[in-house]
Amino acid sequence: MPTVVSSTAGSDTTLWTTDGEYLTEFASGEAEVRSRVFKGLVLRREWLDPKALPDVEACLREAEGKA
């Protein structure tokens, strides 16, 4: 199930997923996004802001603790 990220700003980032032929909003308003493909993978929505990308190593350490 591919997911498309529509980049806006921080917590306003909108995630889309395919639903047959259509795109539907995914994880709307949630601070954490749980992967539907990789069991246990959790991303913080704020990490997806292209204008303020966080430190990758810090994100990986935090994500590892949530798995």
N, C-alpha and C. Protein backbone atom coordinates (compact mmCIF):
# COMPACT_ATOMS: atom_id res chain seq x y z
N MET A 1 0.85 -1.17 0.00
CA MET A 1 0.00 0.00 0.00
C MET A 1 0.90 1.25 0.00
N PRO A 2 1.23 1.82 -1.15
CA PRO A 2 2.11 2.99 -1.18
C PRO A 2 1.47 4.21 -0.53
N THR A 3 2.32 5.01 0.08
CA THR A 3 1.85 6.23 0.72
C THR A 3 2.55 7.42 0.09
N VAL A 4 1.81 8.48 -0.17
CA VAL A 4 2.36 9.70 -0.74
C VAL A 4 2.36 10.76 0.34
N VAL A 5 3.46 11.48 0.49
CA VAL A 5 3.53 12.56 1.47
C VAL A 5 3.37 13.88 0.73
N SER A 6 2.39 14.64 1.14
CA SER A 6 2.19 15.98 0.61
C SER A 6 2.85 16.95 1.59
N SER A 7 3.98 17.49 1.22
CA SER A 7 4.75 18.34 2.12
C SER A 7 4.12 19.70 2.30
N THR A 8 3.87 20.04 3.55
CA THR A 8 3.43 21.39 3.90
C THR A 8 4.32 21.84 5.04
N ALA A 9 3.82 21.91 6.25
CA ALA A 9 4.67 22.36 7.37
C ALA A 9 4.38 21.55 8.61
N GLY A 10 5.43 20.96 9.17
CA GLY A 10 5.37 20.26 10.45
C GLY A 10 4.15 19.41 10.66
N SER A 11 3.38 19.73 11.67
CA SER A 11 2.22 18.92 12.02
C SER A 11 1.09 19.03 11.00
N ASP A 12 1.23 19.94 10.04
CA ASP A 12 0.23 20.08 8.99
C ASP A 12 0.50 19.19 7.79
N THR A 13 1.57 18.37 7.85
CA THR A 13 1.89 17.47 6.74
C THR A 13 0.73 16.51 6.54
N THR A 14 0.29 16.38 5.30
CA THR A 14 -0.82 15.49 4.98
C THR A 14 -0.27 14.24 4.32
N LEU A 15 -0.68 13.09 4.82
CA LEU A 15 -0.26 11.81 4.26
C LEU A 15 -1.42 11.21 3.48
N TRP A 16 -1.10 10.62 2.34
CA TRP A 16 -2.11 10.01 1.50
C TRP A 16 -1.72 8.57 1.23
N THR A 17 -2.71 7.71 1.09
CA THR A 17 -2.48 6.31 0.75
C THR A 17 -3.44 5.91 -0.36
N THR A 18 -3.06 4.90 -1.12
CA THR A 18 -3.93 4.45 -2.20
C THR A 18 -5.03 3.56 -1.65
N ASP A 19 -6.22 3.73 -2.21
CA ASP A 19 -7.38 2.92 -1.87
C ASP A 19 -8.02 2.56 -3.19
N GLY A 20 -7.50 1.48 -3.79
CA GLY A 20 -7.94 1.15 -5.15
C GLY A 20 -7.40 2.18 -6.12
N GLU A 21 -8.28 2.86 -6.81
CA GLU A 21 -7.88 3.89 -7.78
C GLU A 21 -7.78 5.27 -7.15
N TYR A 22 -8.14 5.40 -5.90
CA TYR A 22 -8.24 6.71 -5.27
C TYR A 22 -7.19 6.91 -4.18
N LEU A 23 -6.89 8.16 -3.88
CA LEU A 23 -6.05 8.51 -2.75
C LEU A 23 -6.94 8.90 -1.59
N THR A 24 -6.64 8.40 -0.41
CA THR A 24 -7.37 8.79 0.79
C THR A 24 -6.38 9.27 1.84
N GLU A 25 -6.83 10.18 2.70
CA GLU A 25 -5.97 10.71 3.74
C GLU A 25 -5.66 9.62 4.77
N PHE A 26 -4.44 9.63 5.26
CA PHE A 26 -3.97 8.58 6.17
C PHE A 26 -3.43 9.23 7.45
N ALA A 27 -3.79 8.71 8.60
CA ALA A 27 -3.30 9.17 9.91
C ALA A 27 -3.56 10.66 10.13
N SER A 28 -4.70 11.10 9.75
CA SER A 28 -5.06 12.51 9.87
C SER A 28 -5.04 12.98 11.33
N GLY A 29 -4.31 14.04 11.60
CA GLY A 29 -4.30 14.65 12.92
C GLY A 29 -3.53 13.89 13.99
N GLU A 30 -2.88 12.79 13.63
CA GLU A 30 -2.14 12.01 14.61
C GLU A 30 -0.69 12.49 14.67
N ALA A 31 -0.14 12.60 15.88
CA ALA A 31 1.24 13.04 16.06
C ALA A 31 2.23 11.97 15.62
N GLU A 32 1.82 10.70 15.74
CA GLU A 32 2.67 9.59 15.32
C GLU A 32 1.99 8.83 14.19
N VAL A 33 2.81 8.41 13.24
CA VAL A 33 2.30 7.66 12.09
C VAL A 33 2.87 6.25 12.18
N ARG A 34 1.99 5.26 12.22
CA ARG A 34 2.42 3.86 12.31
C ARG A 34 2.38 3.25 10.92
N SER A 35 3.49 2.63 10.55
CA SER A 35 3.60 2.01 9.23
C SER A 35 2.61 0.88 9.08
N ARG A 36 2.03 0.77 7.90
CA ARG A 36 1.15 -0.35 7.58
C ARG A 36 1.95 -1.46 6.91
N VAL A 37 3.20 -1.19 6.57
CA VAL A 37 4.04 -2.14 5.87
C VAL A 37 5.08 -2.75 6.81
N PHE A 38 5.77 -1.92 7.60
CA PHE A 38 6.82 -2.38 8.50
C PHE A 38 6.30 -2.40 9.93
N LYS A 39 5.99 -3.59 10.42
CA LYS A 39 5.43 -3.75 11.76
C LYS A 39 6.34 -3.10 12.81
N GLY A 40 5.77 -2.26 13.64
CA GLY A 40 6.51 -1.62 14.71
C GLY A 40 7.16 -0.30 14.35
N LEU A 41 7.18 0.06 13.07
CA LEU A 41 7.81 1.32 12.67
C LEU A 41 6.85 2.48 12.97
N VAL A 42 7.33 3.42 13.77
CA VAL A 42 6.54 4.59 14.14
C VAL A 42 7.36 5.83 13.82
N LEU A 43 6.75 6.76 13.10
CA LEU A 43 7.40 8.03 12.77
C LEU A 43 6.62 9.17 13.40
N ARG A 44 7.33 10.15 13.87
CA ARG A 44 6.66 11.36 14.36
C ARG A 44 6.38 12.25 13.16
N ARG A 45 5.19 12.76 13.08
CA ARG A 45 4.79 13.58 11.94
C ARG A 45 5.74 14.77 11.72
N GLU A 46 6.23 15.34 12.81
CA GLU A 46 7.13 16.50 12.69
C GLU A 46 8.43 16.15 11.98
N TRP A 47 8.82 14.88 11.96
CA TRP A 47 10.03 14.47 11.25
C TRP A 47 9.88 14.61 9.74
N LEU A 48 8.67 14.72 9.25
CA LEU A 48 8.40 14.75 7.82
C LEU A 48 8.35 16.16 7.23
N ASP A 49 8.66 17.16 8.03
CA ASP A 49 8.64 18.55 7.56
C ASP A 49 9.93 18.83 6.79
N PRO A 50 9.85 18.99 5.46
CA PRO A 50 11.06 19.18 4.65
C PRO A 50 11.79 20.50 4.95
N LYS A 51 11.13 21.45 5.58
CA LYS A 51 11.76 22.74 5.88
C LYS A 51 12.52 22.70 7.20
N ALA A 52 12.30 21.66 8.01
CA ALA A 52 12.96 21.57 9.31
C ALA A 52 13.28 20.11 9.62
N LEU A 53 14.07 19.49 8.76
CA LEU A 53 14.39 18.08 8.96
C LEU A 53 15.23 17.90 10.23
N PRO A 54 14.86 16.93 11.04
CA PRO A 54 15.59 16.68 12.28
C PRO A 54 16.87 15.87 12.01
N ASP A 55 17.68 15.71 13.03
CA ASP A 55 18.88 14.89 12.97
C ASP A 55 18.48 13.43 12.77
N VAL A 56 19.00 12.81 11.72
CA VAL A 56 18.61 11.45 11.37
C VAL A 56 18.97 10.46 12.48
N GLU A 57 20.17 10.58 13.04
CA GLU A 57 20.58 9.65 14.08
C GLU A 57 19.66 9.74 15.31
N ALA A 58 19.27 10.94 15.67
CA ALA A 58 18.37 11.12 16.81
C ALA A 58 17.01 10.47 16.52
N CYS A 59 16.53 10.63 15.32
CA CYS A 59 15.24 10.01 14.93
C CYS A 59 15.33 8.49 14.98
N LEU A 60 16.43 7.94 14.48
CA LEU A 60 16.59 6.48 14.48
C LEU A 60 16.67 5.93 15.91
N ARG A 61 17.39 6.65 16.78
CA ARG A 61 17.47 6.20 18.18
C ARG A 61 16.08 6.23 18.83
N GLU A 62 15.32 7.29 18.57
CA GLU A 62 13.97 7.39 19.14
C GLU A 62 13.05 6.31 18.55
N ALA A 63 13.10 6.12 17.24
CA ALA A 63 12.26 5.12 16.59
C ALA A 63 12.59 3.71 17.09
N GLU A 64 13.86 3.44 17.33
CA GLU A 64 14.26 2.14 17.81
C GLU A 64 13.64 1.86 19.18
N GLY A 65 13.53 2.88 20.00
CA GLY A 65 12.95 2.71 21.33
C GLY A 65 11.45 2.47 21.31
N LYS A 66 10.77 2.84 20.21
CA LYS A 66 9.32 2.69 20.11
C LYS A 66 8.91 1.38 19.47
N ALA A 67 9.86 0.70 18.83
CA ALA A 67 9.52 -0.53 18.09
C ALA A 67 9.14 -1.66 19.02
